[in-house]
Protein backbone atom coordinates (compact mmCIF):
# COMPACT_ATOMS: atom_id res chain seq x y z
CA MET A 1 -36.63 -116.43 -212.24
CA LYS A 2 -33.49 -115.53 -214.17
CA ASN A 3 -35.32 -115.84 -217.47
CA GLN A 4 -38.17 -113.68 -216.15
CA SER A 5 -35.68 -111.05 -215.06
CA ILE A 6 -34.03 -111.06 -218.50
CA SER A 7 -37.45 -110.74 -220.14
CA LYS A 8 -38.40 -107.77 -217.97
CA ILE A 9 -35.06 -106.05 -218.62
CA GLN A 10 -35.62 -106.51 -222.34
CA THR A 11 -39.09 -104.98 -222.02
CA LEU A 12 -37.64 -101.95 -220.22
CA LEU A 13 -34.93 -101.54 -222.84
CA GLU A 14 -37.56 -101.56 -225.56
CA LYS A 15 -39.49 -98.88 -223.66
CA GLY A 16 -36.41 -96.67 -223.69
CA VAL A 17 -35.03 -97.24 -220.19
CA LYS A 18 -31.25 -96.81 -220.23
CA ILE A 19 -29.53 -99.85 -218.66
CA PRO A 20 -25.80 -99.64 -219.50
CA ASN A 21 -25.04 -103.12 -218.13
CA PRO A 22 -28.24 -105.21 -218.40
CA LYS A 23 -26.62 -108.45 -217.28
CA SER A 24 -25.82 -106.95 -213.88
CA VAL A 25 -29.41 -105.85 -213.16
CA GLU A 26 -31.98 -108.04 -211.41
CA ILE A 27 -35.76 -107.54 -211.58
CA GLY A 28 -38.14 -109.62 -209.49
CA PRO A 29 -40.94 -111.56 -211.21
CA GLU A 30 -43.56 -109.55 -209.30
CA VAL A 31 -42.37 -106.18 -210.66
CA ASP A 32 -44.84 -104.59 -213.07
CA THR A 33 -42.85 -103.06 -215.93
CA ASP A 34 -45.88 -100.95 -216.85
CA ARG A 35 -45.16 -98.99 -213.65
CA ILE A 36 -41.66 -98.07 -214.82
CA SER A 37 -41.40 -95.14 -217.21
CA GLY A 38 -39.23 -95.37 -220.28
CA ASP A 39 -38.70 -91.62 -220.43
CA ASP A 40 -35.10 -90.78 -219.47
CA VAL A 41 -34.94 -93.40 -216.70
CA VAL A 42 -31.44 -94.77 -216.04
CA ILE A 43 -30.72 -97.98 -214.11
CA HIS A 44 -26.99 -98.41 -213.53
CA ALA A 45 -25.01 -101.61 -212.92
CA GLY A 46 -25.79 -103.78 -209.91
CA CYS A 47 -29.33 -102.49 -209.29
CA LYS A 48 -32.13 -104.77 -208.06
CA LEU A 49 -35.84 -104.02 -208.33
CA TYR A 50 -38.43 -105.91 -206.28
CA GLY A 51 -42.04 -105.50 -205.25
CA SER A 52 -45.38 -105.42 -207.07
CA SER A 53 -46.06 -101.81 -206.02
CA THR A 54 -42.72 -100.42 -207.19
CA LEU A 55 -43.24 -97.32 -209.29
CA ILE A 56 -40.53 -95.41 -211.18
CA LEU A 57 -41.41 -92.22 -213.07
CA ARG A 58 -39.63 -90.26 -215.78
CA GLY A 59 -36.12 -88.90 -215.32
CA THR A 60 -35.26 -91.13 -212.37
CA LYS A 61 -31.62 -92.16 -212.00
CA LEU A 62 -30.73 -95.25 -209.97
CA GLY A 63 -27.29 -96.41 -208.86
CA TYR A 64 -24.90 -93.80 -210.25
CA GLU A 65 -22.60 -93.99 -207.18
CA GLY A 66 -23.23 -97.62 -206.23
CA PRO A 67 -25.76 -100.45 -206.56
CA VAL A 68 -29.35 -99.67 -205.55
CA THR A 69 -31.94 -102.11 -204.23
CA ILE A 70 -35.58 -101.00 -204.52
CA GLU A 71 -38.46 -102.86 -202.87
CA ASN A 72 -42.03 -101.56 -203.05
CA CYS A 73 -41.05 -97.91 -203.33
CA GLN A 74 -42.91 -95.24 -205.28
CA ILE A 75 -40.43 -92.94 -207.00
CA GLY A 76 -41.54 -89.66 -208.55
CA PRO A 77 -40.02 -87.83 -211.51
CA GLN A 78 -36.39 -86.72 -211.62
CA VAL A 79 -35.48 -88.53 -208.41
CA GLU A 80 -31.88 -89.64 -207.88
CA LEU A 81 -31.13 -92.61 -205.63
CA LYS A 82 -27.39 -92.90 -206.02
CA GLY A 83 -26.67 -96.00 -203.97
CA GLY A 84 -28.13 -98.09 -201.14
CA PHE A 85 -31.23 -99.93 -199.96
CA PHE A 86 -34.75 -98.50 -200.24
CA LYS A 87 -37.88 -100.28 -199.03
CA ASN A 88 -41.50 -99.16 -198.54
CA ALA A 89 -40.66 -95.49 -198.99
CA VAL A 90 -41.90 -92.77 -201.32
CA PHE A 91 -39.89 -90.07 -203.09
CA LEU A 92 -41.54 -87.05 -204.70
CA LYS A 93 -40.20 -84.93 -207.54
CA LYS A 94 -36.46 -84.17 -207.48
CA ALA A 95 -35.82 -85.87 -204.14
CA SER A 96 -32.38 -87.45 -203.87
CA MET A 97 -30.25 -89.71 -201.69
CA GLY A 98 -26.51 -90.38 -201.88
CA SER A 99 -24.60 -93.66 -201.81
CA GLY A 100 -24.81 -95.92 -198.79
CA SER A 101 -28.37 -94.86 -198.01
CA ASN A 102 -30.61 -97.15 -195.96
CA VAL A 103 -34.21 -95.97 -196.26
CA ARG A 104 -36.94 -98.15 -194.83
CA GLU A 105 -40.68 -98.30 -194.25
CA GLY A 106 -42.88 -95.33 -193.50
CA THR A 107 -40.42 -92.84 -194.99
CA ILE A 108 -41.56 -89.92 -197.14
CA LEU A 109 -39.26 -87.51 -198.96
CA GLU A 110 -41.31 -84.68 -200.40
CA GLU A 111 -40.22 -82.48 -203.30
CA GLU A 112 -36.52 -81.58 -203.51
CA SER A 113 -35.68 -82.99 -200.08
CA SER A 114 -32.39 -84.83 -199.97
CA GLY A 115 -29.73 -86.74 -198.10
CA ALA A 116 -26.02 -87.07 -198.88
CA HIS A 117 -24.06 -90.30 -198.46
CA THR A 118 -24.58 -92.91 -195.72
CA VAL A 119 -27.92 -91.75 -194.32
CA GLY A 120 -30.31 -94.04 -192.45
CA LEU A 121 -34.04 -93.25 -192.41
CA LYS A 122 -37.07 -95.14 -191.12
CA GLN A 123 -40.49 -93.70 -190.27
CA THR A 124 -39.04 -90.34 -191.35
CA ILE A 125 -40.95 -87.55 -193.10
CA LEU A 126 -39.06 -84.70 -194.76
CA PHE A 127 -41.02 -81.77 -196.14
CA PRO A 128 -39.91 -80.01 -199.34
CA PHE A 129 -36.32 -78.74 -199.49
CA VAL A 130 -35.20 -80.33 -196.17
CA THR A 131 -31.56 -81.37 -196.57
CA LEU A 132 -29.58 -83.99 -194.66
CA GLY A 133 -25.80 -84.11 -194.69
CA SER A 134 -23.68 -87.27 -194.57
CA LEU A 135 -23.30 -90.05 -191.99
CA ILE A 136 -26.70 -89.43 -190.40
CA ASN A 137 -29.20 -91.63 -188.56
CA PHE A 138 -32.52 -89.78 -188.57
CA CYS A 139 -35.32 -92.27 -187.87
CA ASP A 140 -38.72 -91.59 -186.28
CA CYS A 141 -39.09 -87.88 -186.90
CA LEU A 142 -40.80 -85.28 -189.05
CA MET A 143 -38.90 -82.20 -190.21
CA SER A 144 -40.29 -79.13 -191.97
CA GLY A 145 -39.28 -75.50 -192.43
CA GLY A 146 -37.73 -73.46 -195.20
CA THR A 147 -39.02 -71.88 -198.38
CA SER A 148 -36.70 -73.06 -201.18
CA ARG A 149 -33.54 -74.99 -202.02
CA LYS A 150 -31.55 -71.93 -200.99
CA ASN A 151 -33.45 -71.37 -197.74
CA HIS A 152 -34.05 -74.81 -196.29
CA SER A 153 -34.02 -76.71 -193.02
CA GLU A 154 -30.83 -78.73 -192.70
CA VAL A 155 -29.27 -81.46 -190.59
CA GLY A 156 -25.48 -81.36 -190.40
CA SER A 157 -23.26 -84.34 -191.03
CA SER A 158 -22.72 -87.01 -188.37
CA TYR A 159 -26.05 -86.25 -186.68
CA ILE A 160 -28.20 -88.74 -184.78
CA HIS A 161 -31.82 -88.66 -183.77
CA PHE A 162 -31.71 -90.92 -180.71
CA ASN A 163 -34.88 -92.99 -181.09
CA TYR A 164 -34.30 -95.97 -178.82
CA THR A 165 -34.19 -95.68 -175.03
CA PRO A 166 -32.37 -97.60 -172.28
CA ASN A 167 -35.86 -98.77 -171.30
CA GLN A 168 -36.09 -100.46 -174.71
CA ASP A 169 -38.94 -98.50 -176.24
CA LYS A 170 -39.40 -96.34 -179.32
CA ALA A 171 -42.08 -93.91 -178.14
CA THR A 172 -39.56 -91.29 -179.22
CA PRO A 173 -40.78 -89.39 -182.32
CA SER A 174 -39.51 -85.82 -182.67
CA LEU A 175 -41.51 -83.04 -184.30
CA ILE A 176 -39.06 -80.60 -185.88
CA GLY A 177 -41.27 -77.75 -186.99
CA ASP A 178 -44.87 -78.88 -187.45
CA VAL A 179 -47.47 -79.80 -190.07
CA PRO A 180 -50.04 -76.94 -189.95
CA ARG A 181 -47.46 -74.25 -190.69
CA GLY A 182 -44.80 -76.38 -192.36
CA VAL A 183 -46.96 -77.41 -195.31
CA MET A 184 -47.33 -73.74 -196.28
CA LEU A 185 -43.61 -73.56 -197.21
CA ASN A 186 -43.26 -70.10 -195.65
CA GLN A 187 -41.58 -70.78 -192.30
CA ARG A 188 -38.09 -70.05 -191.05
CA PRO A 189 -35.73 -73.00 -191.56
CA ILE A 190 -34.43 -75.14 -188.71
CA PHE A 191 -30.74 -76.01 -188.46
CA LEU A 192 -29.37 -78.98 -186.52
CA GLY A 193 -25.59 -78.63 -186.35
CA GLY A 194 -23.31 -81.50 -187.29
CA GLN A 195 -21.59 -83.90 -184.89
CA GLY A 196 -24.67 -83.61 -182.66
CA GLY A 197 -27.87 -85.31 -181.71
CA LEU A 198 -31.47 -84.91 -180.63
CA VAL A 199 -32.90 -87.21 -177.96
CA GLY A 200 -36.50 -88.03 -178.83
CA PRO A 201 -39.29 -87.31 -178.24
CA CYS A 202 -38.58 -83.61 -178.81
CA ARG A 203 -40.45 -80.67 -180.29
CA LEU A 204 -38.58 -77.78 -181.93
CA GLU A 205 -39.98 -74.47 -183.16
CA PHE A 206 -39.29 -72.96 -186.56
CA GLY A 207 -36.13 -70.87 -186.66
CA THR A 208 -34.35 -73.05 -184.11
CA VAL A 209 -30.60 -73.44 -184.51
CA ILE A 210 -28.75 -76.13 -182.54
CA ALA A 211 -25.02 -75.50 -182.41
CA ALA A 212 -22.66 -78.09 -183.88
CA GLY A 213 -21.52 -80.72 -181.40
CA SER A 214 -24.59 -80.37 -179.18
CA ILE A 215 -26.71 -83.19 -177.80
CA PHE A 216 -30.12 -81.67 -177.12
CA ARG A 217 -32.64 -83.38 -174.83
CA LYS A 218 -35.43 -80.85 -174.32
CA ASP A 219 -38.26 -79.15 -176.18
CA GLU A 220 -37.79 -75.63 -177.53
CA LEU A 221 -41.06 -73.99 -178.49
CA ARG A 222 -39.81 -70.41 -178.63
CA PRO A 223 -38.93 -69.16 -182.13
CA GLU A 224 -35.51 -67.98 -183.31
CA ARG A 225 -33.40 -69.61 -180.58
CA LEU A 226 -29.76 -70.70 -180.68
CA LEU A 227 -29.37 -73.82 -178.56
CA ILE A 228 -25.99 -74.87 -177.24
CA GLY A 229 -26.10 -78.23 -175.56
CA ASN A 230 -23.63 -79.38 -172.91
CA MET A 231 -22.55 -82.94 -172.44
CA ALA A 232 -23.61 -84.48 -169.15
CA LYS A 233 -20.98 -84.48 -166.40
CA GLY A 234 -18.87 -87.59 -166.26
CA GLY A 235 -19.37 -90.02 -163.43
CA SER A 236 -21.29 -93.04 -162.21
CA MET A 237 -24.74 -93.14 -160.63
CA PRO A 238 -27.46 -95.69 -159.97
CA PHE A 239 -29.75 -96.53 -162.88
CA THR A 240 -33.07 -98.27 -162.42
CA PRO A 241 -34.63 -99.51 -165.68
CA GLY A 242 -38.28 -98.75 -166.32
CA VAL A 243 -38.75 -95.89 -163.86
CA TYR A 244 -39.89 -93.22 -166.37
CA TYR A 245 -39.74 -90.04 -164.31
CA ASN A 246 -41.13 -87.72 -167.01
CA ILE A 247 -43.98 -89.80 -168.41
CA LYS A 248 -46.11 -86.69 -168.99
CA ARG A 249 -43.71 -85.12 -171.49
CA ILE A 250 -43.16 -88.41 -173.31
CA THR A 251 -46.87 -89.13 -173.61
CA VAL A 252 -47.96 -85.63 -174.59
CA ASN A 253 -45.23 -85.32 -177.23
CA ASN A 254 -46.34 -88.63 -178.72
CA ILE A 255 -49.96 -87.51 -178.81
CA ILE A 256 -49.06 -84.22 -180.50
CA TYR A 257 -46.90 -86.05 -183.03
CA ILE A 258 -49.73 -88.44 -183.92
CA ALA A 259 -52.13 -85.48 -184.19
CA ASN A 260 -49.75 -83.77 -186.63
CA LEU A 261 -49.56 -86.92 -188.76
CA VAL A 262 -53.35 -87.06 -188.87
CA ALA A 263 -53.42 -83.41 -189.94
CA LEU A 264 -50.94 -84.31 -192.70
CA ASP A 265 -53.27 -87.11 -193.77
CA HIS A 266 -56.07 -84.55 -194.17
CA TRP A 267 -53.69 -82.34 -196.15
CA TYR A 268 -52.85 -85.20 -198.48
CA THR A 269 -56.53 -86.16 -198.85
CA HIS A 270 -57.90 -82.68 -199.54
CA VAL A 271 -54.89 -80.81 -200.99
CA ARG A 272 -52.37 -83.19 -202.52
CA SER A 273 -55.19 -85.02 -204.28
CA GLN A 274 -55.88 -81.84 -206.27
CA PHE A 275 -52.45 -82.10 -207.94
CA ILE A 276 -52.83 -85.44 -209.72
CA SER A 277 -50.87 -85.01 -212.97
CA ASP A 278 -48.05 -86.55 -215.01
CA ASP A 279 -45.60 -85.49 -212.29
CA PHE A 280 -47.88 -86.77 -209.52
CA PRO A 281 -50.01 -89.62 -210.92
CA GLU A 282 -52.56 -91.58 -208.93
CA PRO A 283 -50.21 -94.50 -208.12
CA LEU A 284 -47.70 -92.06 -206.58
CA PHE A 285 -50.47 -90.47 -204.51
CA VAL A 286 -51.61 -93.91 -203.35
CA GLY A 287 -48.03 -94.70 -202.31
CA LEU A 288 -47.80 -91.43 -200.42
CA LYS A 289 -50.98 -92.13 -198.46
CA GLU A 290 -49.87 -95.69 -197.78
CA LYS A 291 -46.57 -94.59 -196.27
CA LEU A 292 -48.30 -92.01 -194.09
CA ASP A 293 -50.71 -94.69 -192.88
CA MET A 294 -47.65 -96.78 -191.97
CA ALA A 295 -46.25 -93.84 -190.00
CA ILE A 296 -49.49 -93.24 -188.08
CA ASP A 297 -49.93 -96.94 -187.29
CA GLU A 298 -46.32 -97.13 -186.10
CA ARG A 299 -46.69 -94.25 -183.69
CA ILE A 300 -49.95 -95.59 -182.21
CA TYR A 301 -48.34 -99.00 -181.82
CA ARG A 302 -45.22 -97.59 -180.12
CA LEU A 303 -47.27 -95.49 -177.67
CA LYS A 304 -49.44 -98.47 -176.79
CA ALA A 305 -46.33 -100.64 -176.32
CA LEU A 306 -44.97 -98.07 -173.88
CA SER A 307 -48.32 -97.91 -172.09
CA ARG A 308 -48.31 -101.68 -171.52
CA LYS A 309 -44.98 -101.39 -169.67
CA ILE A 310 -46.12 -98.62 -167.37
CA SER A 311 -47.81 -100.89 -164.82
CA ASP A 312 -44.41 -102.35 -163.90
CA SER A 313 -42.99 -98.84 -163.99
CA VAL A 314 -45.20 -97.77 -161.08
CA THR A 315 -43.65 -100.40 -158.81
CA ALA A 316 -40.11 -99.55 -159.96
CA TYR A 317 -40.77 -95.84 -159.47
CA GLN A 318 -42.16 -96.26 -155.95
CA LEU A 319 -39.24 -98.42 -154.86
CA HIS A 320 -36.71 -95.99 -156.32
CA ALA A 321 -38.32 -92.65 -155.38
CA LYS A 322 -39.28 -93.68 -151.82
CA ASP A 323 -40.03 -90.53 -149.77
CA LYS A 324 -39.74 -88.34 -152.93
CA GLU A 325 -42.58 -90.18 -154.64
CA SER A 326 -45.01 -87.98 -156.56
CA HIS A 327 -48.63 -89.07 -156.30
CA LEU A 328 -49.34 -87.25 -159.59
CA VAL A 329 -46.70 -89.29 -161.43
CA VAL A 330 -48.18 -92.51 -160.04
CA GLN A 331 -51.66 -91.37 -161.08
CA GLN A 332 -50.45 -90.54 -164.59
CA LYS A 333 -48.81 -93.92 -165.01
CA ASN A 334 -51.83 -95.82 -163.75
CA GLU A 335 -54.12 -93.78 -165.98
CA LEU A 336 -51.97 -94.37 -169.07
CA TYR A 337 -51.82 -98.11 -168.42
CA GLN A 338 -55.50 -98.58 -167.61
CA ARG A 339 -56.77 -96.47 -170.53
CA ARG A 340 -54.25 -97.47 -173.18
CA THR A 341 -56.79 -99.38 -175.30
CA LYS A 342 -59.31 -96.56 -175.13
CA LEU A 343 -56.58 -94.14 -176.16
CA GLU A 344 -55.67 -96.31 -179.15
CA GLU A 345 -59.33 -96.62 -180.20
CA ASN A 346 -59.74 -92.85 -179.93
CA PHE A 347 -56.80 -92.20 -182.28
CA LYS A 348 -58.22 -94.60 -184.84
CA SER A 349 -61.75 -93.23 -184.65
CA GLN A 350 -60.60 -89.60 -184.88
CA ARG A 351 -58.41 -89.99 -187.99
CA CYS A 352 -61.20 -88.72 -190.25
CA ALA A 353 -62.74 -86.22 -187.83
CA GLU A 354 -62.66 -82.50 -188.58
CA GLU A 355 -63.86 -79.60 -186.47
CA ASN A 356 -62.95 -76.53 -188.49
CA THR A 357 -64.39 -77.32 -191.93
CA GLU A 358 -65.13 -73.65 -192.56
CA SER A 359 -61.42 -72.77 -192.62
CA ARG A 360 -60.78 -75.85 -194.76
CA ASP A 361 -63.38 -74.85 -197.33
CA VAL A 362 -62.09 -71.26 -197.48
CA PHE A 363 -58.57 -72.55 -198.02
CA LEU A 364 -59.57 -75.11 -200.66
CA GLU A 365 -61.42 -72.41 -202.58
CA LYS A 366 -58.26 -70.29 -202.71
CA LEU A 367 -56.23 -73.36 -203.62
CA ASP A 368 -58.54 -74.05 -206.54
CA LEU A 369 -58.00 -70.52 -207.82
CA GLY A 370 -54.24 -71.02 -207.55
CA ILE A 371 -54.41 -74.25 -209.56
CA LYS A 372 -56.46 -72.57 -212.26
CA THR A 373 -53.86 -69.79 -212.44
CA SER A 374 -50.60 -71.75 -212.10
CA GLY A 375 -51.55 -75.28 -213.10
CA LYS A 376 -50.82 -78.40 -211.07
CA ALA A 377 -47.32 -77.47 -209.97
CA TYR A 378 -47.60 -78.14 -206.23
CA ILE A 379 -44.69 -76.00 -205.01
CA SER A 380 -45.63 -73.01 -207.17
CA VAL A 381 -49.27 -73.05 -206.13
CA ILE A 382 -48.57 -73.33 -202.40
CA LYS A 383 -45.90 -70.64 -202.47
CA GLY A 384 -48.26 -68.41 -204.49
CA LEU A 385 -50.90 -68.35 -201.75
CA SER A 386 -51.40 -65.08 -199.87
CA ILE A 387 -50.64 -64.73 -196.17
CA GLU A 388 -54.36 -64.68 -195.44
CA ASP A 389 -54.86 -67.88 -197.44
CA THR A 390 -52.09 -69.73 -195.63
CA LYS A 391 -53.46 -68.58 -192.27
CA ALA A 392 -56.82 -70.13 -193.16
CA GLY A 393 -55.12 -73.38 -194.13
CA THR A 394 -53.02 -73.42 -190.98
CA ALA A 395 -56.11 -72.74 -188.85
CA TRP A 396 -57.85 -75.72 -190.45
CA LEU A 397 -54.93 -78.10 -189.82
CA GLN A 398 -54.18 -76.75 -186.35
CA GLY A 399 -57.82 -77.33 -185.49
CA ILE A 400 -57.33 -81.00 -186.33
CA VAL A 401 -54.19 -81.20 -184.18
CA ASP A 402 -55.90 -79.46 -181.26
CA HIS A 403 -59.05 -81.60 -181.54
CA ILE A 404 -57.16 -84.89 -181.53
CA THR A 405 -54.82 -83.77 -178.75
CA ALA A 406 -57.72 -82.57 -176.58
CA GLY A 407 -59.63 -85.80 -177.19
CA ALA A 408 -56.67 -87.91 -176.11
CA LEU A 409 -55.99 -85.82 -173.00
CA LYS A 410 -59.64 -86.08 -172.04
CA ILE A 411 -59.11 -89.82 -171.72
CA ILE A 412 -56.03 -89.29 -169.52
CA PRO A 413 -56.94 -86.03 -167.70
CA SER A 414 -54.06 -86.16 -165.19
CA PHE A 415 -51.73 -85.31 -168.10
CA THR A 416 -53.29 -81.88 -168.67
């Protein structure tokens, strides 16, 4: 294996890859050196590359601040991964992460999104320009908003997205912004102040600002709101595991999150695919779709796992609530448990369904004109669309979200 690694390093050096300390670098035997560009790529000391699907494009810099481990990641042009561990994630043009990063499966960083030092991501999707500060744990969420590197959604340092509950489940994805409007790169940014946290599953509207030091536990669907969270009062009270008082909000937020991911899949299929170029070659597109599939599968799995536990939750709820028992809550829990498989099958069957193809076709026609005018520069073309064009695109994607959400709620009607 050592000899194979040396041979691969020599091949990369001959291609023009800059490796200042070759003896300190390790490359797995499964790595395809044809998938690593020799154009201005730098691999610093202590880096390790693994995985047959690993892809590294021109101008990428690895390990400037500390050793980097890459495993089956697809890395676009001019990306900087300065230190840390990266597995089954995709990074589009000019994305960057600081030292101490831990980025795992199902993570997508779109163009010019970034994180500073010591950031943990898993099943995380950041739209273009979204910026994360330092010392952040931001797993199981999608964040959009902003129009440029100077006007971007941001998460302040020492922030946590709380994605694991005392009931030991992860049906906790938070939708910060959304897909139908967020992909148009014309929405107000969202700001999550440092030294704070968001308790998933939450939904936040564009323009939301959460004050520093706040732990926020609710949805905010009104635009342009400043949220100041208060810590819960100190004290001691009974806690009964598995009760799930607000199963409706948890379930509906999960359904809407999955529906947004499916809409993003349609966006990638019909829109992103039009931008195949040197900066966005086919293997990078394939990696992008693969990571989104991981994200969708994860969310369906986590919702089904929660649903399987709900039968026991009914008993726990009835014992705990006693005379305050809500028959609607019991009905919702029974419905979710009994129809969990049908709900899962519906998500899978609806992933390719579209209702509003007219809006899609109108939008794609305008997109084609933009590509002919501006070339295959994704950010430039999307930002060059007119308000009317973006409304057509949003209507198409929102139609997908609404269709999937309505189909799921039809299976569990007590949640409507």
